């Protein structure tokens, strides 16, 4: 039996909504950039190596991913995951089941409330997912298709 690992990550702190800027284009604040550095250092210290990062195309998730990736020794493949922006819980559940089976350890960088919903679904635990939160869940499965509700073991939750 293989082990699959997922890091569920909420983007770091972003600028507030403005009447002149689309939500999609919100950028990280200076504090959010600092959070992303700490997040990357945390991930680098975990006993795993990311194969891939599935990331929402929104500016704040892309910035979070870029900055955290700069902290890592190996560079995971970036997987554009358009469905992660404005995703419902069901969309995220389906997305996880479609991860490339060749990847054993992946990160998903998205938005609340869907990331906290996915975490609760997979682990049967609750986490509010403040900005920058990273939750590591492990599964004893051979394929991502086998991920289902309450099948994951929470290894750690980190808030930068």
C-alpha atoms as a PDB file:
ATOM      1  CA  UNK A   1       0.000   0.000   0.000  1.00  0.00           C
ATOM      2  CA  UNK A   2       1.316   3.404  -0.982  1.00  0.00           C
ATOM      3  CA  UNK A   3       1.033   6.613   1.008  1.00  0.00           C
ATOM      4  CA  UNK A   4      -0.291   9.805  -0.560  1.00  0.00           C
ATOM      5  CA  UNK A   5       0.216  13.158   1.147  1.00  0.00           C
ATOM      6  CA  UNK A   6      -1.583  16.419   0.562  1.00  0.00           C
ATOM      7  CA  UNK A   7      -0.782  19.848   1.916  1.00  0.00           C
ATOM      8  CA  UNK A   8      -3.958  21.935   1.898  1.00  0.00           C
ATOM      9  CA  UNK A   9      -2.914  25.582   1.883  1.00  0.00           C
ATOM     10  CA  UNK A  10      -4.913  28.795   2.034  1.00  0.00           C
ATOM     11  CA  UNK A  11      -3.244  31.718   0.285  1.00  0.00           C
ATOM     12  CA  UNK A  12      -1.427  34.193   2.513  1.00  0.00           C
ATOM     13  CA  UNK A  13      -2.831  37.585   3.550  1.00  0.00           C
ATOM     14  CA  UNK A  14      -4.067  39.646   0.606  1.00  0.00           C
ATOM     15  CA  UNK A  15      -5.137  43.254   0.183  1.00  0.00           C
ATOM     16  CA  UNK A  16      -8.785  43.931   0.909  1.00  0.00           C
ATOM     17  CA  UNK A  17     -11.394  44.199  -1.806  1.00  0.00           C
ATOM     18  CA  UNK A  18     -11.496  47.495  -3.619  1.00  0.00           C
ATOM     19  CA  UNK A  19     -14.194  48.891  -5.892  1.00  0.00           C
ATOM     20  CA  UNK A  20     -11.641  49.325  -8.684  1.00  0.00           C
ATOM     21  CA  UNK A  21      -9.988  45.881  -8.528  1.00  0.00           C
ATOM     22  CA  UNK A  22     -11.445  42.451  -9.169  1.00  0.00           C
ATOM     23  CA  UNK A  23     -11.236  39.908  -6.331  1.00  0.00           C
ATOM     24  CA  UNK A  24      -9.210  37.702  -8.706  1.00  0.00           C
ATOM     25  CA  UNK A  25      -6.488  40.403  -8.903  1.00  0.00           C
ATOM     26  CA  UNK A  26      -5.990  40.958  -5.164  1.00  0.00           C
ATOM     27  CA  UNK A  27      -2.274  40.861  -4.335  1.00  0.00           C
ATOM     28  CA  UNK A  28      -0.485  39.774  -1.172  1.00  0.00           C
ATOM     29  CA  UNK A  29       0.217  42.418   1.457  1.00  0.00           C
ATOM     30  CA  UNK A  30       3.769  42.840   2.795  1.00  0.00           C
ATOM     31  CA  UNK A  31       2.689  40.725   5.760  1.00  0.00           C
ATOM     32  CA  UNK A  32       1.293  38.111   3.356  1.00  0.00           C
ATOM     33  CA  UNK A  33       4.665  37.931   1.594  1.00  0.00           C
ATOM     34  CA  UNK A  34       6.374  37.372   4.966  1.00  0.00           C
ATOM     35  CA  UNK A  35       3.819  34.635   5.769  1.00  0.00           C
ATOM     36  CA  UNK A  36       4.614  32.924   2.441  1.00  0.00           C
ATOM     37  CA  UNK A  37       8.343  32.879   3.253  1.00  0.00           C
ATOM     38  CA  UNK A  38       7.624  31.290   6.667  1.00  0.00           C
ATOM     39  CA  UNK A  39       5.216  28.858   5.020  1.00  0.00           C
ATOM     40  CA  UNK A  40       7.878  27.776   2.521  1.00  0.00           C
ATOM     41  CA  UNK A  41      10.439  27.323   5.304  1.00  0.00           C
ATOM     42  CA  UNK A  42       7.928  25.196   7.225  1.00  0.00           C
ATOM     43  CA  UNK A  43       7.247  22.998   4.185  1.00  0.00           C
ATOM     44  CA  UNK A  44      10.985  22.645   3.517  1.00  0.00           C
ATOM     45  CA  UNK A  45      11.357  21.300   7.076  1.00  0.00           C
ATOM     46  CA  UNK A  46       8.693  18.611   6.634  1.00  0.00           C
ATOM     47  CA  UNK A  47       9.881  15.004   6.027  1.00  0.00           C
ATOM     48  CA  UNK A  48       8.529  14.987   2.465  1.00  0.00           C
ATOM     49  CA  UNK A  49       9.207  16.461  -0.963  1.00  0.00           C
ATOM     50  CA  UNK A  50       6.447  18.006  -3.006  1.00  0.00           C
ATOM     51  CA  UNK A  51       5.945  16.452  -6.425  1.00  0.00           C
ATOM     52  CA  UNK A  52       3.451  19.083  -7.560  1.00  0.00           C
ATOM     53  CA  UNK A  53       1.463  22.131  -6.497  1.00  0.00           C
ATOM     54  CA  UNK A  54      -2.082  22.537  -7.770  1.00  0.00           C
ATOM     55  CA  UNK A  55      -2.762  26.256  -7.579  1.00  0.00           C
ATOM     56  CA  UNK A  56      -5.735  28.532  -8.159  1.00  0.00           C
ATOM     57  CA  UNK A  57      -4.973  31.080 -10.916  1.00  0.00           C
ATOM     58  CA  UNK A  58      -5.873  34.069  -8.686  1.00  0.00           C
ATOM     59  CA  UNK A  59      -3.032  36.544  -8.134  1.00  0.00           C
ATOM     60  CA  UNK A  60      -2.788  35.959  -4.353  1.00  0.00           C
ATOM     61  CA  UNK A  61      -2.555  32.158  -4.673  1.00  0.00           C
ATOM     62  CA  UNK A  62       0.031  32.418  -7.464  1.00  0.00           C
ATOM     63  CA  UNK A  63       2.123  34.844  -5.371  1.00  0.00           C
ATOM     64  CA  UNK A  64       1.861  32.579  -2.310  1.00  0.00           C
ATOM     65  CA  UNK A  65       3.000  29.593  -4.395  1.00  0.00           C
ATOM     66  CA  UNK A  66       5.895  31.456  -6.023  1.00  0.00           C
ATOM     67  CA  UNK A  67       7.267  32.762  -2.725  1.00  0.00           C
ATOM     68  CA  UNK A  68       6.888  29.483  -0.827  1.00  0.00           C
ATOM     69  CA  UNK A  69       8.471  27.556  -3.716  1.00  0.00           C
ATOM     70  CA  UNK A  70      11.544  29.810  -3.551  1.00  0.00           C
ATOM     71  CA  UNK A  71      12.193  28.402  -0.056  1.00  0.00           C
ATOM     72  CA  UNK A  72      12.200  24.756  -1.233  1.00  0.00           C
ATOM     73  CA  UNK A  73      15.231  22.710  -2.234  1.00  0.00           C
ATOM     74  CA  UNK A  74      13.434  20.857  -5.019  1.00  0.00           C
ATOM     75  CA  UNK A  75      11.006  22.603  -7.337  1.00  0.00           C
ATOM     76  CA  UNK A  76       7.620  20.884  -7.566  1.00  0.00           C
ATOM     77  CA  UNK A  77       5.675  20.948 -10.820  1.00  0.00           C
ATOM     78  CA  UNK A  78       3.175  23.777 -10.946  1.00  0.00           C
ATOM     79  CA  UNK A  79      -0.220  22.547 -12.045  1.00  0.00           C
ATOM     80  CA  UNK A  80      -2.660  25.231 -13.153  1.00  0.00           C
ATOM     81  CA  UNK A  81      -5.968  24.356 -11.516  1.00  0.00           C
ATOM     82  CA  UNK A  82      -8.513  26.897 -12.690  1.00  0.00           C
ATOM     83  CA  UNK A  83     -11.330  25.116 -10.856  1.00  0.00           C
ATOM     84  CA  UNK A  84      -9.741  25.976  -7.480  1.00  0.00           C
ATOM     85  CA  UNK A  85     -10.818  29.620  -7.802  1.00  0.00           C
ATOM     86  CA  UNK A  86     -14.340  30.065  -6.409  1.00  0.00           C
ATOM     87  CA  UNK A  87     -14.503  26.296  -5.912  1.00  0.00           C
ATOM     88  CA  UNK A  88     -17.329  24.653  -4.024  1.00  0.00           C
ATOM     89  CA  UNK A  89     -16.584  21.783  -1.660  1.00  0.00           C
ATOM     90  CA  UNK A  90     -17.751  19.284  -4.287  1.00  0.00           C
ATOM     91  CA  UNK A  91     -15.484  20.781  -6.957  1.00  0.00           C
ATOM     92  CA  UNK A  92     -12.475  20.454  -4.627  1.00  0.00           C
ATOM     93  CA  UNK A  93     -13.342  16.873  -3.691  1.00  0.00           C
ATOM     94  CA  UNK A  94     -13.486  15.972  -7.391  1.00  0.00           C
ATOM     95  CA  UNK A  95     -10.243  17.848  -8.134  1.00  0.00           C
ATOM     96  CA  UNK A  96      -8.346  15.869  -5.478  1.00  0.00           C
ATOM     97  CA  UNK A  97      -9.572  12.594  -6.968  1.00  0.00           C
ATOM     98  CA  UNK A  98      -8.178  13.692 -10.348  1.00  0.00           C
ATOM     99  CA  UNK A  99      -4.618  14.397  -9.145  1.00  0.00           C
ATOM    100  CA  UNK A 100      -1.994  12.700 -11.314  1.00  0.00           C
ATOM    101  CA  UNK A 101      -1.468   9.204  -9.827  1.00  0.00           C
ATOM    102  CA  UNK A 102       2.303   9.530 -10.412  1.00  0.00           C
ATOM    103  CA  UNK A 103       2.428  12.251  -7.745  1.00  0.00           C
ATOM    104  CA  UNK A 104       2.677  10.979  -4.179  1.00  0.00           C
ATOM    105  CA  UNK A 105       2.946  14.312  -2.391  1.00  0.00           C
ATOM    106  CA  UNK A 106       1.070  17.373  -3.581  1.00  0.00           C
ATOM    107  CA  UNK A 107       0.059  20.768  -2.304  1.00  0.00           C
ATOM    108  CA  UNK A 108      -3.228  22.437  -3.121  1.00  0.00           C
ATOM    109  CA  UNK A 109      -3.168  26.253  -2.815  1.00  0.00           C
ATOM    110  CA  UNK A 110      -6.655  27.694  -2.749  1.00  0.00           C
ATOM    111  CA  UNK A 111      -9.228  29.791  -0.955  1.00  0.00           C
ATOM    112  CA  UNK A 112     -11.588  29.625   1.975  1.00  0.00           C
ATOM    113  CA  UNK A 113     -14.205  28.395   2.633  1.00  0.00           C
ATOM    114  CA  UNK A 114     -13.470  25.536   0.232  1.00  0.00           C
ATOM    115  CA  UNK A 115     -10.044  24.609   1.664  1.00  0.00           C
ATOM    116  CA  UNK A 116     -11.435  24.319   5.204  1.00  0.00           C
ATOM    117  CA  UNK A 117     -14.347  22.314   3.802  1.00  0.00           C
ATOM    118  CA  UNK A 118     -11.962  19.930   2.019  1.00  0.00           C
ATOM    119  CA  UNK A 119      -9.883  19.536   5.186  1.00  0.00           C
ATOM    120  CA  UNK A 120     -12.976  18.681   7.250  1.00  0.00           C
ATOM    121  CA  UNK A 121     -14.229  16.249   4.603  1.00  0.00           C
ATOM    122  CA  UNK A 122     -10.933  14.358   4.318  1.00  0.00           C
ATOM    123  CA  UNK A 123     -10.013  14.320   8.010  1.00  0.00           C
ATOM    124  CA  UNK A 124     -13.307  14.702   9.941  1.00  0.00           C
ATOM    125  CA  UNK A 125     -11.556  17.466  11.903  1.00  0.00           C
ATOM    126  CA  UNK A 126     -12.139  21.223  11.819  1.00  0.00           C
ATOM    127  CA  UNK A 127      -9.663  24.007  11.043  1.00  0.00           C
ATOM    128  CA  UNK A 128     -10.675  27.596  10.311  1.00  0.00           C
ATOM    129  CA  UNK A 129      -7.751  28.123   7.893  1.00  0.00           C
ATOM    130  CA  UNK A 130      -6.526  31.621   8.677  1.00  0.00           C
ATOM    131  CA  UNK A 131      -4.513  33.055   5.782  1.00  0.00           C
ATOM    132  CA  UNK A 132      -1.353  31.056   5.107  1.00  0.00           C
ATOM    133  CA  UNK A 133      -2.506  27.953   6.992  1.00  0.00           C
ATOM    134  CA  UNK A 134      -1.006  24.670   5.770  1.00  0.00           C
ATOM    135  CA  UNK A 135      -2.521  21.334   6.824  1.00  0.00           C
ATOM    136  CA  UNK A 136      -0.717  18.076   6.041  1.00  0.00           C
ATOM    137  CA  UNK A 137      -2.956  15.037   5.627  1.00  0.00           C
ATOM    138  CA  UNK A 138      -1.680  11.542   4.853  1.00  0.00           C
ATOM    139  CA  UNK A 139      -3.627   8.689   3.225  1.00  0.00           C
ATOM    140  CA  UNK A 140      -2.891   4.983   2.900  1.00  0.00           C
ATOM    141  CA  UNK A 141      -4.055   4.610  -0.688  1.00  0.00           C
ATOM    142  CA  UNK A 142      -2.488   3.696  -4.017  1.00  0.00           C
ATOM    143  CA  UNK A 143      -4.370   6.281  -6.067  1.00  0.00           C
ATOM    144  CA  UNK A 144      -5.894   9.703  -5.461  1.00  0.00           C
ATOM    145  CA  UNK A 145      -9.172   8.285  -6.806  1.00  0.00           C
ATOM    146  CA  UNK A 146      -9.478   6.365  -3.511  1.00  0.00           C
ATOM    147  CA  UNK A 147      -9.571   9.507  -1.347  1.00  0.00           C
ATOM    148  CA  UNK A 148     -12.933   9.832   0.358  1.00  0.00           C
ATOM    149  CA  UNK A 149     -14.468  11.370   3.431  1.00  0.00           C
ATOM    150  CA  UNK A 150     -12.738  10.681   6.755  1.00  0.00           C
ATOM    151  CA  UNK A 151      -9.913   8.659   5.163  1.00  0.00           C
ATOM    152  CA  UNK A 152      -7.015  10.991   6.000  1.00  0.00           C
ATOM    153  CA  UNK A 153      -4.738  11.274   9.010  1.00  0.00           C
ATOM    154  CA  UNK A 154      -3.818  14.833   9.987  1.00  0.00           C
ATOM    155  CA  UNK A 155      -0.023  15.003  10.451  1.00  0.00           C
ATOM    156  CA  UNK A 156       0.280  18.729  11.195  1.00  0.00           C
ATOM    157  CA  UNK A 157      -1.421  22.095  10.923  1.00  0.00           C
ATOM    158  CA  UNK A 158       0.768  25.185  10.614  1.00  0.00           C
ATOM    159  CA  UNK A 159      -0.181  28.867  10.742  1.00  0.00           C
ATOM    160  CA  UNK A 160       2.668  31.188   9.709  1.00  0.00           C
END
